Amino acid sequence: MKKLLTVLALGVFALGFSQNYYDDYRGSVSSINWRDVASYLGLNGRQIAAIDVLNNRYPTYDSWDRVYRGTPDRWYRDRYGEMERIMTPAQYKRFYDRYYRGQNPVWIYGKNYDKKYYKERDKYYKKQWKQYRKHRDNDNDQGRGWGRRDHDD
């Protein structure tokens, strides 16, 4: 029973973990107006069609998860490597500078995950610290446990 619960808990954790990466992926597709990008960069019809295919490659979480289940952070390298291949180096540099302000796209999309992770972690440790202090104070009163011992038993 313990093994079953452990496997179930790991599965739920992994689902939530990779779901955050999929949300970042969808954000990278939907947060940019690709028609404006095409006109700004002067992309030709073949390049526009290739970017549309790239943007529609994983419409659902299941299709994305089949490819990136083992390494969900790999989508950053795959997506931006493919965009770099579709555009000329000069076009990609202009795109990168305008839409990511010259910063790494991994950093841009990883910010949301980091905020959520650190908020949950801090909340957990605050709770643990309260429990520790409560037990420490109780144990000090009784002369055992985590507290300092001023007397011999």
N, C-alpha and C. Protein backbone atom coordinates (compact mmCIF):
# COMPACT_ATOMS: atom_id res chain seq x y z
N MET A 1 0.82 -1.20 0.00
CA MET A 1 0.00 0.00 0.00
C MET A 1 0.87 1.26 0.00
N LYS A 2 1.96 1.22 0.79
CA LYS A 2 2.84 2.38 0.85
C LYS A 2 3.48 2.65 -0.51
N LYS A 3 3.86 1.57 -1.20
CA LYS A 3 4.47 1.73 -2.52
C LYS A 3 3.48 2.36 -3.50
N LEU A 4 2.25 1.91 -3.44
CA LEU A 4 1.21 2.45 -4.32
C LEU A 4 0.99 3.93 -4.05
N LEU A 5 0.92 4.30 -2.79
CA LEU A 5 0.74 5.71 -2.45
C LEU A 5 1.95 6.55 -2.87
N THR A 6 3.14 5.99 -2.72
CA THR A 6 4.35 6.71 -3.13
C THR A 6 4.35 6.94 -4.64
N VAL A 7 4.02 5.91 -5.39
CA VAL A 7 3.97 6.04 -6.85
C VAL A 7 2.91 7.05 -7.26
N LEU A 8 1.77 7.00 -6.62
CA LEU A 8 0.69 7.94 -6.91
C LEU A 8 1.12 9.38 -6.60
N ALA A 9 1.77 9.58 -5.47
CA ALA A 9 2.23 10.92 -5.10
C ALA A 9 3.27 11.43 -6.08
N LEU A 10 4.20 10.58 -6.49
CA LEU A 10 5.20 10.99 -7.47
C LEU A 10 4.56 11.34 -8.80
N GLY A 11 3.55 10.57 -9.20
CA GLY A 11 2.85 10.85 -10.45
C GLY A 11 2.15 12.19 -10.42
N VAL A 12 1.50 12.50 -9.33
CA VAL A 12 0.81 13.79 -9.19
C VAL A 12 1.83 14.92 -9.19
N PHE A 13 2.95 14.74 -8.49
CA PHE A 13 4.00 15.76 -8.46
C PHE A 13 4.57 15.98 -9.85
N ALA A 14 4.87 14.89 -10.57
CA ALA A 14 5.45 15.01 -11.91
C ALA A 14 4.47 15.68 -12.87
N LEU A 15 3.19 15.38 -12.75
CA LEU A 15 2.19 16.00 -13.61
C LEU A 15 2.17 17.50 -13.40
N GLY A 16 2.14 17.94 -12.16
CA GLY A 16 2.13 19.37 -11.88
C GLY A 16 3.41 20.04 -12.31
N PHE A 17 4.52 19.35 -12.15
CA PHE A 17 5.83 19.89 -12.51
C PHE A 17 5.91 20.13 -14.01
N SER A 18 5.56 19.11 -14.81
CA SER A 18 5.65 19.28 -16.26
C SER A 18 4.52 20.16 -16.79
N GLN A 19 3.42 20.25 -16.07
CA GLN A 19 2.32 21.14 -16.49
C GLN A 19 2.79 22.59 -16.48
N ASN A 20 3.63 22.96 -15.52
CA ASN A 20 4.18 24.32 -15.49
C ASN A 20 5.02 24.60 -16.72
N TYR A 21 5.80 23.61 -17.15
CA TYR A 21 6.60 23.79 -18.36
C TYR A 21 5.71 23.91 -19.59
N TYR A 22 4.64 23.13 -19.65
CA TYR A 22 3.72 23.24 -20.78
C TYR A 22 3.05 24.61 -20.80
N ASP A 23 2.70 25.13 -19.63
CA ASP A 23 2.11 26.47 -19.56
C ASP A 23 3.09 27.51 -20.07
N ASP A 24 4.37 27.36 -19.75
CA ASP A 24 5.38 28.27 -20.29
C ASP A 24 5.47 28.15 -21.81
N TYR A 25 5.41 26.92 -22.30
CA TYR A 25 5.44 26.69 -23.75
C TYR A 25 4.26 27.39 -24.42
N ARG A 26 3.05 27.19 -23.90
CA ARG A 26 1.87 27.83 -24.49
C ARG A 26 1.98 29.35 -24.39
N GLY A 27 2.56 29.84 -23.30
CA GLY A 27 2.75 31.28 -23.17
C GLY A 27 3.70 31.82 -24.22
N SER A 28 4.74 31.04 -24.56
CA SER A 28 5.69 31.50 -25.58
C SER A 28 5.03 31.56 -26.95
N VAL A 29 3.99 30.78 -27.17
CA VAL A 29 3.28 30.79 -28.44
C VAL A 29 2.22 31.89 -28.46
N SER A 30 1.45 32.00 -27.39
CA SER A 30 0.29 32.90 -27.41
C SER A 30 0.59 34.33 -26.96
N SER A 31 1.71 34.56 -26.30
CA SER A 31 1.98 35.92 -25.80
C SER A 31 2.52 36.85 -26.88
N ILE A 32 2.84 36.31 -28.03
CA ILE A 32 3.41 37.11 -29.11
C ILE A 32 2.45 37.12 -30.29
N ASN A 33 2.22 38.29 -30.87
CA ASN A 33 1.41 38.40 -32.08
C ASN A 33 2.33 38.08 -33.27
N TRP A 34 2.18 36.89 -33.80
CA TRP A 34 3.11 36.41 -34.82
C TRP A 34 2.94 37.12 -36.16
N ARG A 35 1.78 37.68 -36.43
CA ARG A 35 1.60 38.46 -37.67
C ARG A 35 2.43 39.75 -37.58
N ASP A 36 2.45 40.37 -36.41
CA ASP A 36 3.30 41.56 -36.23
C ASP A 36 4.77 41.20 -36.36
N VAL A 37 5.16 40.05 -35.83
CA VAL A 37 6.55 39.60 -35.94
C VAL A 37 6.91 39.42 -37.41
N ALA A 38 6.01 38.80 -38.17
CA ALA A 38 6.28 38.56 -39.59
C ALA A 38 6.46 39.86 -40.36
N SER A 39 5.60 40.84 -40.08
CA SER A 39 5.73 42.11 -40.80
C SER A 39 6.94 42.90 -40.32
N TYR A 40 7.24 42.87 -39.03
CA TYR A 40 8.39 43.60 -38.48
C TYR A 40 9.70 43.04 -39.02
N LEU A 41 9.79 41.72 -39.12
CA LEU A 41 11.04 41.10 -39.57
C LEU A 41 11.11 40.92 -41.08
N GLY A 42 9.99 41.12 -41.77
CA GLY A 42 9.98 40.94 -43.23
C GLY A 42 10.12 39.47 -43.62
N LEU A 43 9.40 38.60 -42.94
CA LEU A 43 9.48 37.17 -43.24
C LEU A 43 8.74 36.85 -44.54
N ASN A 44 9.26 35.89 -45.29
CA ASN A 44 8.58 35.48 -46.52
C ASN A 44 7.52 34.42 -46.20
N GLY A 45 6.76 34.01 -47.20
CA GLY A 45 5.64 33.08 -47.00
C GLY A 45 6.08 31.74 -46.43
N ARG A 46 7.22 31.23 -46.90
CA ARG A 46 7.72 29.95 -46.39
C ARG A 46 8.06 30.04 -44.91
N GLN A 47 8.68 31.13 -44.50
CA GLN A 47 9.04 31.32 -43.09
C GLN A 47 7.79 31.45 -42.21
N ILE A 48 6.79 32.19 -42.69
CA ILE A 48 5.55 32.36 -41.93
C ILE A 48 4.86 31.01 -41.76
N ALA A 49 4.80 30.23 -42.84
CA ALA A 49 4.17 28.90 -42.76
C ALA A 49 4.93 28.00 -41.79
N ALA A 50 6.26 28.05 -41.82
CA ALA A 50 7.07 27.22 -40.91
C ALA A 50 6.85 27.62 -39.45
N ILE A 51 6.72 28.92 -39.18
CA ILE A 51 6.46 29.37 -37.81
C ILE A 51 5.06 28.95 -37.36
N ASP A 52 4.08 29.01 -38.28
CA ASP A 52 2.72 28.55 -37.93
C ASP A 52 2.72 27.06 -37.59
N VAL A 53 3.46 26.27 -38.36
CA VAL A 53 3.55 24.83 -38.07
C VAL A 53 4.23 24.63 -36.72
N LEU A 54 5.28 25.38 -36.45
CA LEU A 54 5.99 25.28 -35.17
C LEU A 54 5.07 25.65 -34.00
N ASN A 55 4.28 26.70 -34.17
CA ASN A 55 3.38 27.14 -33.10
C ASN A 55 2.24 26.16 -32.85
N ASN A 56 1.84 25.41 -33.87
CA ASN A 56 0.73 24.46 -33.73
C ASN A 56 1.19 23.02 -33.53
N ARG A 57 2.45 22.82 -33.27
CA ARG A 57 3.00 21.47 -33.16
C ARG A 57 2.42 20.70 -31.97
N TYR A 58 2.24 21.35 -30.83
CA TYR A 58 1.73 20.68 -29.63
C TYR A 58 0.50 21.43 -29.11
N PRO A 59 -0.67 21.16 -29.68
CA PRO A 59 -1.87 21.90 -29.26
C PRO A 59 -2.40 21.49 -27.89
N THR A 60 -2.09 20.27 -27.45
CA THR A 60 -2.59 19.80 -26.15
C THR A 60 -1.43 19.38 -25.27
N TYR A 61 -1.72 19.31 -23.99
CA TYR A 61 -0.70 18.87 -23.03
C TYR A 61 -0.25 17.45 -23.32
N ASP A 62 -1.16 16.57 -23.71
CA ASP A 62 -0.80 15.17 -23.97
C ASP A 62 0.19 15.05 -25.13
N SER A 63 -0.03 15.80 -26.19
CA SER A 63 0.89 15.74 -27.33
C SER A 63 2.27 16.28 -26.94
N TRP A 64 2.29 17.32 -26.14
CA TRP A 64 3.56 17.89 -25.67
C TRP A 64 4.25 16.92 -24.72
N ASP A 65 3.48 16.29 -23.83
CA ASP A 65 4.03 15.40 -22.81
C ASP A 65 4.63 14.14 -23.42
N ARG A 66 4.09 13.65 -24.54
CA ARG A 66 4.66 12.47 -25.19
C ARG A 66 6.10 12.72 -25.61
N VAL A 67 6.41 13.93 -26.00
CA VAL A 67 7.76 14.25 -26.47
C VAL A 67 8.68 14.65 -25.32
N TYR A 68 8.18 15.44 -24.37
CA TYR A 68 9.04 16.04 -23.35
C TYR A 68 8.84 15.45 -21.95
N ARG A 69 8.27 14.29 -21.83
CA ARG A 69 7.98 13.71 -20.51
C ARG A 69 9.25 13.57 -19.67
N GLY A 70 10.29 13.04 -20.22
CA GLY A 70 11.52 12.79 -19.45
C GLY A 70 12.29 14.05 -19.13
N THR A 71 12.32 14.99 -20.06
CA THR A 71 13.08 16.23 -19.87
C THR A 71 12.21 17.41 -20.29
N PRO A 72 11.32 17.86 -19.42
CA PRO A 72 10.38 18.92 -19.82
C PRO A 72 11.04 20.26 -20.11
N ASP A 73 12.24 20.50 -19.60
CA ASP A 73 12.88 21.78 -19.86
C ASP A 73 13.55 21.82 -21.23
N ARG A 74 13.55 20.72 -21.96
CA ARG A 74 14.19 20.67 -23.27
C ARG A 74 13.44 21.46 -24.33
N TRP A 75 12.16 21.77 -24.09
CA TRP A 75 11.37 22.47 -25.11
C TRP A 75 11.97 23.82 -25.44
N TYR A 76 12.62 24.49 -24.49
CA TYR A 76 13.22 25.81 -24.76
C TYR A 76 14.24 25.69 -25.88
N ARG A 77 15.17 24.75 -25.72
CA ARG A 77 16.23 24.60 -26.72
C ARG A 77 15.65 24.18 -28.07
N ASP A 78 14.70 23.25 -28.05
CA ASP A 78 14.12 22.78 -29.30
C ASP A 78 13.38 23.91 -30.03
N ARG A 79 12.56 24.63 -29.32
CA ARG A 79 11.74 25.68 -29.94
C ARG A 79 12.60 26.81 -30.50
N TYR A 80 13.51 27.33 -29.69
CA TYR A 80 14.29 28.47 -30.14
C TYR A 80 15.38 28.07 -31.13
N GLY A 81 15.83 26.84 -31.07
CA GLY A 81 16.73 26.34 -32.11
C GLY A 81 16.03 26.25 -33.45
N GLU A 82 14.78 25.78 -33.42
CA GLU A 82 13.97 25.68 -34.64
C GLU A 82 13.66 27.08 -35.19
N MET A 83 13.35 28.03 -34.33
CA MET A 83 13.08 29.39 -34.80
C MET A 83 14.33 30.01 -35.42
N GLU A 84 15.47 29.72 -34.82
CA GLU A 84 16.73 30.24 -35.36
C GLU A 84 17.00 29.63 -36.73
N ARG A 85 16.61 28.37 -36.93
CA ARG A 85 16.79 27.72 -38.21
C ARG A 85 15.84 28.30 -39.27
N ILE A 86 14.61 28.63 -38.87
CA ILE A 86 13.62 29.16 -39.81
C ILE A 86 14.00 30.57 -40.27
N MET A 87 14.41 31.41 -39.33
CA MET A 87 14.76 32.80 -39.66
C MET A 87 16.23 32.88 -40.05
N THR A 88 16.57 33.96 -40.73
CA THR A 88 17.98 34.21 -40.98
C THR A 88 18.62 34.68 -39.68
N PRO A 89 19.94 34.61 -39.56
CA PRO A 89 20.58 35.06 -38.31
C PRO A 89 20.25 36.52 -37.97
N ALA A 90 20.17 37.38 -38.98
CA ALA A 90 19.85 38.80 -38.72
C ALA A 90 18.41 38.94 -38.23
N GLN A 91 17.49 38.21 -38.83
CA GLN A 91 16.08 38.27 -38.40
C GLN A 91 15.93 37.74 -36.98
N TYR A 92 16.61 36.64 -36.68
CA TYR A 92 16.49 36.07 -35.34
C TYR A 92 17.05 37.02 -34.29
N LYS A 93 18.16 37.68 -34.62
CA LYS A 93 18.75 38.64 -33.67
C LYS A 93 17.77 39.79 -33.40
N ARG A 94 17.13 40.32 -34.44
CA ARG A 94 16.14 41.39 -34.25
C ARG A 94 14.95 40.90 -33.43
N PHE A 95 14.48 39.69 -33.72
CA PHE A 95 13.37 39.09 -32.96
C PHE A 95 13.76 38.94 -31.49
N TYR A 96 14.93 38.39 -31.27
CA TYR A 96 15.43 38.13 -29.91
C TYR A 96 15.58 39.43 -29.13
N ASP A 97 16.14 40.45 -29.77
CA ASP A 97 16.35 41.73 -29.08
C ASP A 97 15.03 42.44 -28.78
N ARG A 98 14.08 42.35 -29.70
CA ARG A 98 12.82 43.06 -29.49
C ARG A 98 11.89 42.36 -28.49
N TYR A 99 11.74 41.07 -28.62
CA TYR A 99 10.74 40.36 -27.81
C TYR A 99 11.29 39.81 -26.50
N TYR A 100 12.59 39.65 -26.40
CA TYR A 100 13.17 39.16 -25.14
C TYR A 100 14.18 40.13 -24.56
N ARG A 101 14.25 41.31 -25.16
CA ARG A 101 15.15 42.36 -24.69
C ARG A 101 16.59 41.86 -24.54
N GLY A 102 16.98 40.96 -25.43
CA GLY A 102 18.34 40.43 -25.41
C GLY A 102 18.60 39.43 -24.30
N GLN A 103 17.56 39.06 -23.55
CA GLN A 103 17.75 38.10 -22.45
C GLN A 103 17.39 36.69 -22.92
N ASN A 104 17.87 35.73 -22.19
CA ASN A 104 17.62 34.34 -22.51
C ASN A 104 16.13 34.02 -22.33
N PRO A 105 15.45 33.47 -23.36
CA PRO A 105 14.04 33.11 -23.21
C PRO A 105 13.79 32.13 -22.07
N VAL A 106 14.75 31.28 -21.77
CA VAL A 106 14.60 30.36 -20.65
C VAL A 106 14.41 31.14 -19.36
N TRP A 107 15.15 32.22 -19.21
CA TRP A 107 15.03 33.05 -18.01
C TRP A 107 13.67 33.73 -17.96
N ILE A 108 13.21 34.21 -19.11
CA ILE A 108 11.91 34.90 -19.17
C ILE A 108 10.79 33.97 -18.72
N TYR A 109 10.74 32.76 -19.28
CA TYR A 109 9.64 31.85 -18.97
C TYR A 109 9.85 31.12 -17.66
N GLY A 110 11.07 31.00 -17.20
CA GLY A 110 11.33 30.34 -15.93
C GLY A 110 10.98 31.18 -14.72
N LYS A 111 10.81 32.50 -14.91
CA LYS A 111 10.51 33.38 -13.78
C LYS A 111 9.22 32.98 -13.08
N ASN A 112 8.19 32.66 -13.84
CA ASN A 112 6.90 32.32 -13.23
C ASN A 112 7.02 31.06 -12.39
N TYR A 113 7.73 30.08 -12.90
CA TYR A 113 7.91 28.84 -12.14
C TYR A 113 8.69 29.11 -10.86
N ASP A 114 9.75 29.90 -10.96
CA ASP A 114 10.57 30.19 -9.78
C ASP A 114 9.76 30.91 -8.71
N LYS A 115 8.94 31.88 -9.13
CA LYS A 115 8.12 32.61 -8.15
C LYS A 115 7.21 31.66 -7.39
N LYS A 116 6.55 30.78 -8.12
CA LYS A 116 5.62 29.83 -7.49
C LYS A 116 6.39 28.86 -6.59
N TYR A 117 7.50 28.35 -7.07
CA TYR A 117 8.27 27.37 -6.30
C TYR A 117 8.78 27.98 -5.00
N TYR A 118 9.40 29.15 -5.08
CA TYR A 118 9.98 29.75 -3.88
C TYR A 118 8.90 30.18 -2.89
N LYS A 119 7.75 30.61 -3.38
CA LYS A 119 6.66 30.98 -2.49
C LYS A 119 6.19 29.76 -1.70
N GLU A 120 5.99 28.64 -2.39
CA GLU A 120 5.56 27.42 -1.72
C GLU A 120 6.63 26.91 -0.76
N ARG A 121 7.89 27.00 -1.17
CA ARG A 121 8.98 26.52 -0.31
C ARG A 121 9.07 27.36 0.95
N ASP A 122 8.98 28.67 0.82
CA ASP A 122 9.06 29.54 2.00
C ASP A 122 7.91 29.28 2.95
N LYS A 123 6.73 29.07 2.39
CA LYS A 123 5.56 28.77 3.22
C LYS A 123 5.78 27.47 3.99
N TYR A 124 6.34 26.47 3.35
CA TYR A 124 6.61 25.18 4.00
C TYR A 124 7.62 25.36 5.14
N TYR A 125 8.71 26.07 4.88
CA TYR A 125 9.74 26.22 5.90
C TYR A 125 9.28 27.07 7.08
N LYS A 126 8.43 28.05 6.82
CA LYS A 126 7.88 28.83 7.94
C LYS A 126 7.06 27.93 8.86
N LYS A 127 6.27 27.05 8.27
CA LYS A 127 5.47 26.11 9.06
C LYS A 127 6.39 25.18 9.85
N GLN A 128 7.43 24.67 9.21
CA GLN A 128 8.36 23.78 9.90
C GLN A 128 9.07 24.49 11.04
N TRP A 129 9.44 25.75 10.82
CA TRP A 129 10.13 26.52 11.86
C TRP A 129 9.22 26.73 13.07
N LYS A 130 7.94 27.00 12.83
CA LYS A 130 7.00 27.17 13.94
C LYS A 130 6.89 25.88 14.75
N GLN A 131 6.81 24.75 14.07
CA GLN A 131 6.72 23.47 14.79
C GLN A 131 8.00 23.21 15.58
N TYR A 132 9.13 23.50 14.99
CA TYR A 132 10.40 23.29 15.67
C TYR A 132 10.48 24.14 16.94
N ARG A 133 10.13 25.43 16.83
CA ARG A 133 10.19 26.32 17.99
C ARG A 133 9.24 25.86 19.08
N LYS A 134 8.06 25.41 18.68
CA LYS A 134 7.08 24.94 19.66
C LYS A 134 7.63 23.74 20.44
N HIS A 135 8.18 22.78 19.72
CA HIS A 135 8.72 21.59 20.39
C HIS A 135 9.99 21.92 21.17
N ARG A 136 10.80 22.80 20.64
CA ARG A 136 12.03 23.20 21.33
C ARG A 136 11.69 23.85 22.66
N ASP A 137 10.72 24.75 22.65
CA ASP A 137 10.34 25.43 23.89
C ASP A 137 9.74 24.45 24.89
N ASN A 138 8.92 23.52 24.41
CA ASN A 138 8.34 22.52 25.31
C ASN A 138 9.41 21.61 25.88
N ASP A 139 10.37 21.21 25.05
CA ASP A 139 11.43 20.32 25.51
C ASP A 139 12.37 21.02 26.47
N ASN A 140 12.60 22.31 26.28
CA ASN A 140 13.46 23.06 27.20
C ASN A 140 12.84 23.10 28.59
N ASP A 141 11.54 23.23 28.64
CA ASP A 141 10.86 23.28 29.94
C ASP A 141 11.01 21.96 30.68
N GLN A 142 11.05 20.87 29.93
CA GLN A 142 11.10 19.56 30.57
C GLN A 142 12.53 19.02 30.67
N GLY A 143 13.50 19.72 30.11
CA GLY A 143 14.89 19.33 30.24
C GLY A 143 15.31 18.17 29.36
N ARG A 144 14.65 17.97 28.23
CA ARG A 144 15.06 16.91 27.31
C ARG A 144 14.77 17.35 25.87
N GLY A 145 15.19 16.55 24.94
CA GLY A 145 14.93 16.84 23.54
C GLY A 145 15.98 17.76 22.95
N TRP A 146 15.53 18.74 22.16
CA TRP A 146 16.44 19.61 21.44
C TRP A 146 17.10 20.65 22.33
N GLY A 147 16.53 20.93 23.45
CA GLY A 147 17.02 22.01 24.31
C GLY A 147 18.34 21.68 24.97
N ARG A 148 18.94 22.68 25.58
CA ARG A 148 20.20 22.52 26.29
C ARG A 148 19.94 21.86 27.64
N ARG A 149 20.83 21.00 28.05
CA ARG A 149 20.67 20.32 29.34
C ARG A 149 21.63 20.93 30.35
N ASP A 150 21.06 21.49 31.38
CA ASP A 150 21.88 22.10 32.43
C ASP A 150 22.08 21.17 33.62
N HIS A 151 21.51 20.00 33.57
CA HIS A 151 21.62 19.09 34.70
C HIS A 151 21.96 17.69 34.21
N ASP A 152 22.48 16.87 35.09
CA ASP A 152 22.81 15.49 34.75
C ASP A 152 21.62 14.60 35.05
N ASP A 153 21.43 13.59 34.22
CA ASP A 153 20.33 12.64 34.45
C ASP A 153 20.78 11.51 35.32
